[in-house]
């Protein structure tokens, strides 16, 4: 999949300057993650179950 075609969004916790933040794009197969400061760098993707486990882990900390 061409990641340029994805609908990327930032966290609601991102500052107005956009510093030190990631962007995510959700598809049926995966959650894609990229650096918001340099969107030309390669992104990575995890399956939706993996992302759900990650978010649950972070919420517990």
Protein backbone atom coordinates (compact mmCIF):
# COMPACT_ATOMS: atom_id res chain seq x y z
CA UNK A 1 0.00 0.00 0.00
CA UNK A 2 1.19 3.48 -0.85
CA UNK A 3 1.37 5.29 2.48
CA UNK A 4 0.91 8.67 0.78
CA UNK A 5 -2.70 7.63 0.13
CA UNK A 6 -3.46 6.97 3.81
CA UNK A 7 -5.47 9.28 6.05
CA UNK A 8 -2.86 10.24 8.68
CA UNK A 9 -3.75 11.88 11.99
CA UNK A 10 -1.90 13.06 15.09
CA UNK A 11 -2.67 12.32 18.68
CA UNK A 12 -4.98 14.73 20.48
CA UNK A 13 -2.08 15.07 22.95
CA UNK A 14 0.15 16.58 20.26
CA UNK A 15 1.21 20.15 20.90
CA UNK A 16 0.25 22.95 18.54
CA UNK A 17 3.85 23.01 17.29
CA UNK A 18 3.67 19.31 16.40
CA UNK A 19 6.92 18.59 18.25
CA UNK A 20 7.93 15.03 19.08
CA UNK A 21 4.79 13.38 17.87
CA UNK A 22 3.79 10.46 15.75
CA UNK A 23 1.02 10.15 13.22
CA UNK A 24 -1.05 7.05 12.64
CA UNK A 25 -3.20 5.80 9.80
CA UNK A 26 -5.59 2.90 10.29
CA UNK A 27 -6.49 0.39 7.59
CA UNK A 28 -8.37 -2.89 7.76
CA UNK A 29 -5.10 -4.82 7.91
CA UNK A 30 -2.81 -2.63 9.99
CA UNK A 31 -2.02 0.54 11.89
CA UNK A 32 0.72 2.56 10.19
CA UNK A 33 2.95 4.81 12.28
CA UNK A 34 5.31 7.61 11.18
CA UNK A 35 7.31 10.51 12.59
CA UNK A 36 5.30 13.73 12.22
CA UNK A 37 8.49 15.83 12.05
CA UNK A 38 9.76 14.02 8.94
CA UNK A 39 6.99 12.34 7.00
CA UNK A 40 9.41 11.45 4.19
CA UNK A 41 11.07 8.83 6.41
CA UNK A 42 9.72 5.30 6.16
CA UNK A 43 6.75 4.43 8.31
CA UNK A 44 6.14 1.08 9.95
CA UNK A 45 3.00 -0.94 10.40
CA UNK A 46 1.69 -3.32 13.03
CA UNK A 47 -1.37 -5.51 12.85
CA UNK A 48 -4.46 -4.18 14.57
CA UNK A 49 -4.25 -6.69 17.44
CA UNK A 50 -0.64 -5.70 18.09
CA UNK A 51 -1.63 -2.04 18.16
CA UNK A 52 -4.50 -2.75 20.58
CA UNK A 53 -2.09 -4.54 22.94
CA UNK A 54 0.38 -1.66 22.73
CA UNK A 55 -2.31 0.95 23.50
CA UNK A 56 -3.64 -1.12 26.41
CA UNK A 57 -0.10 -1.44 27.82
CA UNK A 58 0.54 2.30 27.55
CA UNK A 59 -2.80 3.10 29.20
CA UNK A 60 -1.78 1.00 32.21
CA UNK A 61 1.45 2.89 32.79
